[in-house]
Amino acid sequence: MCRRGPGGAVEILDRDEFLQHRERYGYPDHLVEIAERSCAEVAALLAAEAEPSASAPRGWLVALADLLCDPALAGQLT
């Protein structure tokens, strides 16, 4: 899994778990290649702040803050 942390750095999470599962469950090489390629693509998009991960999540976070009835939090996210 890839994510952009609070400081903007892109992190790849759970790679060790994926490798353990690869070994344990015998993931075929072509599946591993697809997963690694997909992860690299997502990481590049996150680093470039490309959509849908640039501004799209902000709207969902505002909606969540509204649902939680916290106008101050909603105001920080807009």
PDB file of N, CA and C in Angstrom:
ATOM      1  N   MET A   1       0.843  -1.152   0.000  1.00  0.00           N
ATOM      2  CA  MET A   1       0.000   0.000   0.000  1.00  0.00           C
ATOM      3  C   MET A   1       0.898   1.226   0.000  1.00  0.00           C
ATOM      4  N   CYS A   2       0.479   2.239  -0.750  1.00  0.00           N
ATOM      5  CA  CYS A   2       1.205   3.502  -0.808  1.00  0.00           C
ATOM      6  C   CYS A   2       0.385   4.580  -0.133  1.00  0.00           C
ATOM      7  N   ARG A   3       1.083   5.523   0.454  1.00  0.00           N
ATOM      8  CA  ARG A   3       0.395   6.681   1.009  1.00  0.00           C
ATOM      9  C   ARG A   3       1.344   7.862   1.019  1.00  0.00           C
ATOM     10  N   ARG A   4       0.747   9.028   1.036  1.00  0.00           N
ATOM     11  CA  ARG A   4       1.532  10.249   1.193  1.00  0.00           C
ATOM     12  C   ARG A   4       1.335  10.684   2.627  1.00  0.00           C
ATOM     13  N   GLY A   5       2.421  10.785   3.358  1.00  0.00           N
ATOM     14  CA  GLY A   5       2.361  11.145   4.765  1.00  0.00           C
ATOM     15  C   GLY A   5       2.107  12.625   4.959  1.00  0.00           C
ATOM     16  N   PRO A   6       1.950  13.040   6.204  1.00  0.00           N
ATOM     17  CA  PRO A   6       1.659  14.444   6.507  1.00  0.00           C
ATOM     18  C   PRO A   6       2.694  15.416   5.944  1.00  0.00           C
ATOM     19  N   GLY A   7       3.942  15.009   5.880  1.00  0.00           N
ATOM     20  CA  GLY A   7       4.982  15.877   5.335  1.00  0.00           C
ATOM     21  C   GLY A   7       5.077  15.842   3.819  1.00  0.00           C
ATOM     22  N   GLY A   8       4.259  15.015   3.182  1.00  0.00           N
ATOM     23  CA  GLY A   8       4.249  14.929   1.725  1.00  0.00           C
ATOM     24  C   GLY A   8       5.082  13.790   1.165  1.00  0.00           C
ATOM     25  N   ALA A   9       5.862  13.129   2.014  1.00  0.00           N
ATOM     26  CA  ALA A   9       6.691  12.026   1.531  1.00  0.00           C
ATOM     27  C   ALA A   9       5.814  10.816   1.211  1.00  0.00           C
ATOM     28  N   VAL A  10       6.133  10.155   0.109  1.00  0.00           N
ATOM     29  CA  VAL A  10       5.393   8.956  -0.293  1.00  0.00           C
ATOM     30  C   VAL A  10       6.030   7.757   0.390  1.00  0.00           C
ATOM     31  N   GLU A  11       5.187   6.950   1.005  1.00  0.00           N
ATOM     32  CA  GLU A  11       5.658   5.762   1.715  1.00  0.00           C
ATOM     33  C   GLU A  11       5.000   4.522   1.121  1.00  0.00           C
ATOM     34  N   ILE A  12       5.749   3.447   1.055  1.00  0.00           N
ATOM     35  CA  ILE A  12       5.200   2.152   0.662  1.00  0.00           C
ATOM     36  C   ILE A  12       5.118   1.327   1.942  1.00  0.00           C
ATOM     37  N   LEU A  13       3.891   0.973   2.301  1.00  0.00           N
ATOM     38  CA  LEU A  13       3.647   0.271   3.552  1.00  0.00           C
ATOM     39  C   LEU A  13       3.408  -1.216   3.308  1.00  0.00           C
ATOM     40  N   ASP A  14       3.693  -2.008   4.281  1.00  0.00           N
ATOM     41  CA  ASP A  14       3.373  -3.436   4.306  1.00  0.00           C
ATOM     42  C   ASP A  14       4.087  -4.259   3.232  1.00  0.00           C
ATOM     43  N   ARG A  15       5.187  -3.750   2.706  1.00  0.00           N
ATOM     44  CA  ARG A  15       5.935  -4.522   1.705  1.00  0.00           C
ATOM     45  C   ARG A  15       6.454  -5.822   2.315  1.00  0.00           C
ATOM     46  N   ASP A  16       6.918  -5.745   3.554  1.00  0.00           N
ATOM     47  CA  ASP A  16       7.421  -6.954   4.205  1.00  0.00           C
ATOM     48  C   ASP A  16       6.310  -7.991   4.362  1.00  0.00           C
ATOM     49  N   GLU A  17       5.111  -7.539   4.698  1.00  0.00           N
ATOM     50  CA  GLU A  17       3.979  -8.457   4.819  1.00  0.00           C
ATOM     51  C   GLU A  17       3.633  -9.086   3.463  1.00  0.00           C
ATOM     52  N   PHE A  18       3.685  -8.275   2.415  1.00  0.00           N
ATOM     53  CA  PHE A  18       3.423  -8.798   1.069  1.00  0.00           C
ATOM     54  C   PHE A  18       4.443  -9.879   0.714  1.00  0.00           C
ATOM     55  N   LEU A  19       5.705  -9.632   1.015  1.00  0.00           N
ATOM     56  CA  LEU A  19       6.743 -10.614   0.693  1.00  0.00           C
ATOM     57  C   LEU A  19       6.569 -11.895   1.517  1.00  0.00           C
ATOM     58  N   GLN A  20       6.150 -11.740   2.781  1.00  0.00           N
ATOM     59  CA  GLN A  20       5.881 -12.920   3.604  1.00  0.00           C
ATOM     60  C   GLN A  20       4.716 -13.732   3.018  1.00  0.00           C
ATOM     61  N   HIS A  21       3.684 -13.029   2.611  1.00  0.00           N
ATOM     62  CA  HIS A  21       2.532 -13.719   2.019  1.00  0.00           C
ATOM     63  C   HIS A  21       2.892 -14.350   0.684  1.00  0.00           C
ATOM     64  N   ARG A  22       3.768 -13.689  -0.061  1.00  0.00           N
ATOM     65  CA  ARG A  22       4.213 -14.267  -1.329  1.00  0.00           C
ATOM     66  C   ARG A  22       4.834 -15.641  -1.087  1.00  0.00           C
ATOM     67  N   GLU A  23       5.683 -15.669  -0.090  1.00  0.00           N
ATOM     68  CA  GLU A  23       6.350 -16.924   0.255  1.00  0.00           C
ATOM     69  C   GLU A  23       5.342 -17.954   0.795  1.00  0.00           C
ATOM     70  N   ARG A  24       4.531 -17.517   1.733  1.00  0.00           N
ATOM     71  CA  ARG A  24       3.598 -18.422   2.405  1.00  0.00           C
ATOM     72  C   ARG A  24       2.548 -19.002   1.465  1.00  0.00           C
ATOM     73  N   TYR A  25       1.993 -18.137   0.609  1.00  0.00           N
ATOM     74  CA  TYR A  25       0.894 -18.570  -0.246  1.00  0.00           C
ATOM     75  C   TYR A  25       1.320 -18.872  -1.685  1.00  0.00           C
ATOM     76  N   GLY A  26       2.601 -18.704  -1.966  1.00  0.00           N
ATOM     77  CA  GLY A  26       3.121 -19.057  -3.282  1.00  0.00           C
ATOM     78  C   GLY A  26       2.609 -18.183  -4.415  1.00  0.00           C
ATOM     79  N   TYR A  27       2.566 -16.862  -4.190  1.00  0.00           N
ATOM     80  CA  TYR A  27       2.115 -15.971  -5.251  1.00  0.00           C
ATOM     81  C   TYR A  27       2.971 -16.211  -6.494  1.00  0.00           C
ATOM     82  N   PRO A  28       2.344 -16.348  -7.639  1.00  0.00           N
ATOM     83  CA  PRO A  28       3.126 -16.537  -8.866  1.00  0.00           C
ATOM     84  C   PRO A  28       3.880 -15.253  -9.241  1.00  0.00           C
ATOM     85  N   ASP A  29       5.004 -15.431  -9.927  1.00  0.00           N
ATOM     86  CA  ASP A  29       5.853 -14.290 -10.289  1.00  0.00           C
ATOM     87  C   ASP A  29       5.099 -13.212 -11.056  1.00  0.00           C
ATOM     88  N   HIS A  30       4.227 -13.616 -11.980  1.00  0.00           N
ATOM     89  CA  HIS A  30       3.525 -12.597 -12.777  1.00  0.00           C
ATOM     90  C   HIS A  30       2.600 -11.752 -11.903  1.00  0.00           C
ATOM     91  N   LEU A  31       2.022 -12.329 -10.870  1.00  0.00           N
ATOM     92  CA  LEU A  31       1.173 -11.575  -9.959  1.00  0.00           C
ATOM     93  C   LEU A  31       2.009 -10.593  -9.149  1.00  0.00           C
ATOM     94  N   VAL A  32       3.163 -11.021  -8.702  1.00  0.00           N
ATOM     95  CA  VAL A  32       4.063 -10.154  -7.941  1.00  0.00           C
ATOM     96  C   VAL A  32       4.517  -8.986  -8.815  1.00  0.00           C
ATOM     97  N   GLU A  33       4.838  -9.254 -10.082  1.00  0.00           N
ATOM     98  CA  GLU A  33       5.254  -8.189 -11.004  1.00  0.00           C
ATOM     99  C   GLU A  33       4.140  -7.162 -11.186  1.00  0.00           C
ATOM    100  N   ILE A  34       2.905  -7.639 -11.330  1.00  0.00           N
ATOM    101  CA  ILE A  34       1.762  -6.728 -11.486  1.00  0.00           C
ATOM    102  C   ILE A  34       1.593  -5.881 -10.229  1.00  0.00           C
ATOM    103  N   ALA A  35       1.675  -6.504  -9.071  1.00  0.00           N
ATOM    104  CA  ALA A  35       1.516  -5.776  -7.806  1.00  0.00           C
ATOM    105  C   ALA A  35       2.616  -4.740  -7.631  1.00  0.00           C
ATOM    106  N   GLU A  36       3.850  -5.098  -7.928  1.00  0.00           N
ATOM    107  CA  GLU A  36       4.960  -4.164  -7.770  1.00  0.00           C
ATOM    108  C   GLU A  36       4.869  -3.017  -8.769  1.00  0.00           C
ATOM    109  N   ARG A  37       4.469  -3.327  -9.997  1.00  0.00           N
ATOM    110  CA  ARG A  37       4.309  -2.289 -11.017  1.00  0.00           C
ATOM    111  C   ARG A  37       3.174  -1.327 -10.616  1.00  0.00           C
ATOM    112  N   SER A  38       2.081  -1.887 -10.135  1.00  0.00           N
ATOM    113  CA  SER A  38       0.947  -1.056  -9.706  1.00  0.00           C
ATOM    114  C   SER A  38       1.336  -0.162  -8.540  1.00  0.00           C
ATOM    115  N   CYS A  39       2.076  -0.714  -7.602  1.00  0.00           N
ATOM    116  CA  CYS A  39       2.530   0.061  -6.455  1.00  0.00           C
ATOM    117  C   CYS A  39       3.426   1.219  -6.912  1.00  0.00           C
ATOM    118  N   ALA A  40       4.322   0.952  -7.841  1.00  0.00           N
ATOM    119  CA  ALA A  40       5.214   1.997  -8.360  1.00  0.00           C
ATOM    120  C   ALA A  40       4.417   3.084  -9.076  1.00  0.00           C
ATOM    121  N   GLU A  41       3.387   2.693  -9.811  1.00  0.00           N
ATOM    122  CA  GLU A  41       2.545   3.670 -10.511  1.00  0.00           C
ATOM    123  C   GLU A  41       1.795   4.551  -9.523  1.00  0.00           C
ATOM    124  N   VAL A  42       1.228   3.943  -8.499  1.00  0.00           N
ATOM    125  CA  VAL A  42       0.498   4.716  -7.485  1.00  0.00           C
ATOM    126  C   VAL A  42       1.463   5.645  -6.746  1.00  0.00           C
ATOM    127  N   ALA A  43       2.639   5.155  -6.398  1.00  0.00           N
ATOM    128  CA  ALA A  43       3.626   5.990  -5.705  1.00  0.00           C
ATOM    129  C   ALA A  43       4.020   7.189  -6.566  1.00  0.00           C
ATOM    130  N   ALA A  44       4.192   6.988  -7.868  1.00  0.00           N
ATOM    131  CA  ALA A  44       4.537   8.089  -8.772  1.00  0.00           C
ATOM    132  C   ALA A  44       3.401   9.111  -8.849  1.00  0.00           C
ATOM    133  N   LEU A  45       2.166   8.631  -8.905  1.00  0.00           N
ATOM    134  CA  LEU A  45       1.012   9.540  -8.934  1.00  0.00           C
ATOM    135  C   LEU A  45       0.906  10.336  -7.635  1.00  0.00           C
ATOM    136  N   LEU A  46       1.146   9.671  -6.512  1.00  0.00           N
ATOM    137  CA  LEU A  46       1.118  10.371  -5.224  1.00  0.00           C
ATOM    138  C   LEU A  46       2.219  11.427  -5.160  1.00  0.00           C
ATOM    139  N   ALA A  47       3.410  11.075  -5.614  1.00  0.00           N
ATOM    140  CA  ALA A  47       4.536  12.008  -5.579  1.00  0.00           C
ATOM    141  C   ALA A  47       4.274  13.219  -6.465  1.00  0.00           C
ATOM    142  N   ALA A  48       3.580  13.001  -7.587  1.00  0.00           N
ATOM    143  CA  ALA A  48       3.266  14.089  -8.509  1.00  0.00           C
ATOM    144  C   ALA A  48       2.025  14.861  -8.084  1.00  0.00           C
ATOM    145  N   GLU A  49       1.398  14.434  -6.997  1.00  0.00           N
ATOM    146  CA  GLU A  49       0.152  15.012  -6.517  1.00  0.00           C
ATOM    147  C   GLU A  49      -0.906  15.030  -7.616  1.00  0.00           C
ATOM    148  N   ALA A  50      -0.948  13.949  -8.367  1.00  0.00           N
ATOM    149  CA  ALA A  50      -1.926  13.797  -9.442  1.00  0.00           C
ATOM    150  C   ALA A  50      -3.251  13.321  -8.876  1.00  0.00           C
ATOM    151  N   GLU A  51      -4.306  13.605  -9.590  1.00  0.00           N
ATOM    152  CA  GLU A  51      -5.623  13.127  -9.181  1.00  0.00           C
ATOM    153  C   GLU A  51      -5.688  11.615  -9.394  1.00  0.00           C
ATOM    154  N   PRO A  52      -6.435  10.919  -8.622  1.00  0.00           N
ATOM    155  CA  PRO A  52      -7.446  11.403  -7.693  1.00  0.00           C
ATOM    156  C   PRO A  52      -6.932  11.641  -6.285  1.00  0.00           C
ATOM    157  N   SER A  53      -5.635  11.610  -6.067  1.00  0.00           N
ATOM    158  CA  SER A  53      -5.137  11.703  -4.692  1.00  0.00           C
ATOM    159  C   SER A  53      -4.698  13.101  -4.295  1.00  0.00           C
ATOM    160  N   ALA A  54      -4.843  14.077  -5.163  1.00  0.00           N
ATOM    161  CA  ALA A  54      -4.404  15.427  -4.819  1.00  0.00           C
ATOM    162  C   ALA A  54      -5.494  16.192  -4.070  1.00  0.00           C
ATOM    163  N   SER A  55      -6.540  16.589  -4.765  1.00  0.00           N
ATOM    164  CA  SER A  55      -7.575  17.395  -4.119  1.00  0.00           C
ATOM    165  C   SER A  55      -8.849  16.618  -3.831  1.00  0.00           C
ATOM    166  N   ALA A  56      -9.066  15.520  -4.519  1.00  0.00           N
ATOM    167  CA  ALA A  56     -10.316  14.775  -4.354  1.00  0.00           C
ATOM    168  C   ALA A  56     -10.570  14.332  -2.907  1.00  0.00           C
ATOM    169  N   PRO A  57      -9.574  13.834  -2.185  1.00  0.00           N
ATOM    170  CA  PRO A  57      -9.846  13.392  -0.810  1.00  0.00           C
ATOM    171  C   PRO A  57     -10.307  14.518   0.110  1.00  0.00           C
ATOM    172  N   ARG A  58      -9.882  15.750  -0.192  1.00  0.00           N
ATOM    173  CA  ARG A  58     -10.235  16.869   0.674  1.00  0.00           C
ATOM    174  C   ARG A  58     -11.753  17.016   0.788  1.00  0.00           C
ATOM    175  N   GLY A  59     -12.469  16.862  -0.326  1.00  0.00           N
ATOM    176  CA  GLY A  59     -13.928  16.962  -0.292  1.00  0.00           C
ATOM    177  C   GLY A  59     -14.548  15.909   0.604  1.00  0.00           C
ATOM    178  N   TRP A  60     -14.008  14.703   0.544  1.00  0.00           N
ATOM    179  CA  TRP A  60     -14.523  13.627   1.401  1.00  0.00           C
ATOM    180  C   TRP A  60     -14.222  13.903   2.867  1.00  0.00           C
ATOM    181  N   LEU A  61     -13.056  14.474   3.139  1.00  0.00           N
ATOM    182  CA  LEU A  61     -12.713  14.798   4.520  1.00  0.00           C
ATOM    183  C   LEU A  61     -13.622  15.901   5.068  1.00  0.00           C
ATOM    184  N   VAL A  62     -13.946  16.886   4.217  1.00  0.00           N
ATOM    185  CA  VAL A  62     -14.869  17.942   4.635  1.00  0.00           C
ATOM    186  C   VAL A  62     -16.233  17.344   4.932  1.00  0.00           C
ATOM    187  N   ALA A  63     -16.704  16.448   4.049  1.00  0.00           N
ATOM    188  CA  ALA A  63     -18.001  15.804   4.267  1.00  0.00           C
ATOM    189  C   ALA A  63     -17.998  15.012   5.572  1.00  0.00           C
ATOM    190  N   LEU A  64     -16.900  14.331   5.863  1.00  0.00           N
ATOM    191  CA  LEU A  64     -16.787  13.570   7.101  1.00  0.00           C
ATOM    192  C   LEU A  64     -16.822  14.508   8.305  1.00  0.00           C
ATOM    193  N   ALA A  65     -16.089  15.610   8.223  1.00  0.00           N
ATOM    194  CA  ALA A  65     -16.090  16.571   9.321  1.00  0.00           C
ATOM    195  C   ALA A  65     -17.497  17.129   9.537  1.00  0.00           C
ATOM    196  N   ASP A  66     -18.213  17.397   8.439  1.00  0.00           N
ATOM    197  CA  ASP A  66     -19.592  17.869   8.564  1.00  0.00           C
ATOM    198  C   ASP A  66     -20.457  16.822   9.246  1.00  0.00           C
ATOM    199  N   LEU A  67     -20.259  15.572   8.873  1.00  0.00           N
ATOM    200  CA  LEU A  67     -21.022  14.497   9.491  1.00  0.00           C
ATOM    201  C   LEU A  67     -20.754  14.409  10.986  1.00  0.00           C
ATOM    202  N   LEU A  68     -19.542  14.679  11.346  1.00  0.00           N
ATOM    203  CA  LEU A  68     -19.157  14.621  12.758  1.00  0.00           C
ATOM    204  C   LEU A  68     -19.534  15.907  13.487  1.00  0.00           C
ATOM    205  N   CYS A  69     -20.187  16.829  12.759  1.00  0.00           N
ATOM    206  CA  CYS A  69     -20.653  18.102  13.350  1.00  0.00           C
ATOM    207  C   CYS A  69     -19.521  18.896  13.972  1.00  0.00           C
ATOM    208  N   ASP A  70     -18.409  18.988  13.265  1.00  0.00           N
ATOM    209  CA  ASP A  70     -17.282  19.756  13.754  1.00  0.00           C
ATOM    210  C   ASP A  70     -16.947  20.843  12.739  1.00  0.00           C
ATOM    211  N   PRO A  71     -17.628  21.988  12.784  1.00  0.00           N
ATOM    212  CA  PRO A  71     -17.408  23.048  11.800  1.00  0.00           C
ATOM    213  C   PRO A  71     -15.965  23.549  11.793  1.00  0.00           C
ATOM    214  N   ALA A  72     -15.311  23.562  12.932  1.00  0.00           N
ATOM    215  CA  ALA A  72     -13.923  24.023  12.981  1.00  0.00           C
ATOM    216  C   ALA A  72     -13.025  23.125  12.151  1.00  0.00           C
ATOM    217  N   LEU A  73     -13.229  21.831  12.272  1.00  0.00           N
ATOM    218  CA  LEU A  73     -12.442  20.882  11.490  1.00  0.00           C
ATOM    219  C   LEU A  73     -12.762  21.030  10.008  1.00  0.00           C
ATOM    220  N   ALA A  74     -14.033  21.157   9.677  1.00  0.00           N
ATOM    221  CA  ALA A  74     -14.425  21.336   8.272  1.00  0.00           C
ATOM    222  C   ALA A  74     -13.770  22.586   7.696  1.00  0.00           C
ATOM    223  N   GLY A  75     -13.710  23.668   8.480  1.00  0.00           N
ATOM    224  CA  GLY A  75     -13.093  24.903   8.013  1.00  0.00           C
ATOM    225  C   GLY A  75     -11.612  24.781   7.760  1.00  0.00           C
ATOM    226  N   GLN A  76     -10.924  23.939   8.507  1.00  0.00           N
ATOM    227  CA  GLN A  76      -9.483  23.717   8.315  1.00  0.00           C
ATOM    228  C   GLN A  76      -9.188  22.972   7.033  1.00  0.00           C
ATOM    229  N   LEU A  77     -10.148  22.181   6.556  1.00  0.00           N
ATOM    230  CA  LEU A  77      -9.928  21.325   5.399  1.00  0.00           C
ATOM    231  C   LEU A  77     -10.293  21.982   4.084  1.00  0.00           C
ATOM    232  N   THR A  78     -10.982  23.125   4.125  1.00  0.00           N
ATOM    233  CA  THR A  78     -11.389  23.773   2.873  1.00  0.00           C
ATOM    234  C   THR A  78     -10.362  24.761   2.414  1.00  0.00           C
TER     235      THR A  78
END
